[in-house]
Protein backbone atom coordinates (compact mmCIF):
# COMPACT_ATOMS: atom_id res chain seq x y z
CA MET A 1 -0.08 0.75 0.09
CA VAL A 2 2.87 2.41 0.68
CA ASP A 3 4.56 1.45 -2.13
CA GLY A 4 1.41 2.21 -4.20
CA LEU A 5 0.84 6.12 -2.28
CA GLU A 6 4.21 6.69 -3.33
CA ARG A 7 4.00 6.67 -6.92
CA GLU A 8 0.74 8.43 -6.89
CA LEU A 9 1.65 11.17 -4.86
CA ALA A 10 5.20 11.69 -6.71
CA GLY A 11 5.88 15.33 -6.61
CA ARG A 12 3.40 16.45 -4.57
CA ALA A 13 4.03 15.19 -1.25
CA ALA A 14 7.28 12.77 0.67
CA VAL A 15 6.75 9.51 1.69
CA VAL A 16 9.87 9.09 4.24
CA ARG A 17 9.66 4.93 5.68
CA LEU A 18 12.22 4.58 8.77
CA ASP A 19 13.55 1.73 10.38
CA VAL A 20 12.92 1.73 14.18
CA MET A 21 16.03 0.04 15.34
CA SER A 22 17.72 1.96 13.25
CA GLY A 23 19.37 5.69 15.67
CA VAL A 24 16.97 7.74 13.30
CA GLY A 25 13.44 5.56 13.86
CA ARG A 26 14.57 5.29 17.37
CA MET A 27 14.74 9.40 17.84
CA ALA A 28 11.53 9.82 15.64
CA ALA A 29 10.06 7.06 18.13
CA TYR A 30 10.76 8.81 20.66
CA THR A 31 10.02 12.08 19.38
CA TYR A 32 6.27 11.67 18.32
CA GLY A 33 5.69 8.67 20.32
CA ILE A 34 5.50 5.70 18.27
CA ARG A 35 5.19 2.70 20.59
CA VAL A 36 3.33 0.22 17.68
CA VAL A 37 4.68 -1.07 14.33
CA PRO A 38 3.33 0.32 11.56
CA SER A 39 2.48 3.86 12.41
CA PHE A 40 2.03 6.48 10.15
CA LEU A 41 2.71 9.96 10.51
CA VAL A 42 0.86 13.10 8.37
CA PHE A 43 2.85 16.28 8.51
CA ASP A 44 1.43 19.35 6.35
CA GLY A 45 3.48 21.97 4.77
CA ALA A 46 4.65 23.93 8.24
CA GLY A 47 5.78 20.72 9.75
CA ARG A 48 2.49 20.00 12.41
CA VAL A 49 0.98 16.60 12.45
CA VAL A 50 -2.21 16.19 10.81
CA LEU A 51 -2.86 12.47 11.50
CA ALA A 52 -1.22 9.42 13.91
CA LYS A 53 -1.89 6.30 13.11
CA SER A 54 -0.16 3.66 15.15
CA GLY A 55 -1.02 -0.22 13.65
CA ARG A 56 -2.92 -0.18 10.57
CA ALA A 57 -4.02 1.97 8.23
CA SER A 58 -6.42 2.49 5.57
CA ARG A 59 -5.40 3.73 1.96
CA GLY A 60 -8.28 6.42 2.03
CA GLU A 61 -7.22 7.34 4.97
CA LEU A 62 -4.00 7.84 4.68
CA LEU A 63 -4.88 9.99 1.28
CA ARG A 64 -7.69 11.80 2.83
CA ALA A 65 -4.90 13.06 5.55
CA ILE A 66 -2.40 14.03 2.76
CA VAL A 67 -4.41 15.81 0.07
CA GLU A 68 -6.73 17.81 3.00
């Protein structure tokens, strides 16, 4: 699903994947309170979190948060 979103949103939004076992991933998980994998964060253009979803997320749910 994430691969499809990445292709569909190319040029309009950046899709970034982090491994929570890496240093950067651990830091991001700590910063945003991530305790479940997978987790999804959607940021607006100002860097504010507009969606934080732990566990499975639907494609539609993510798309709505991204395009709004």
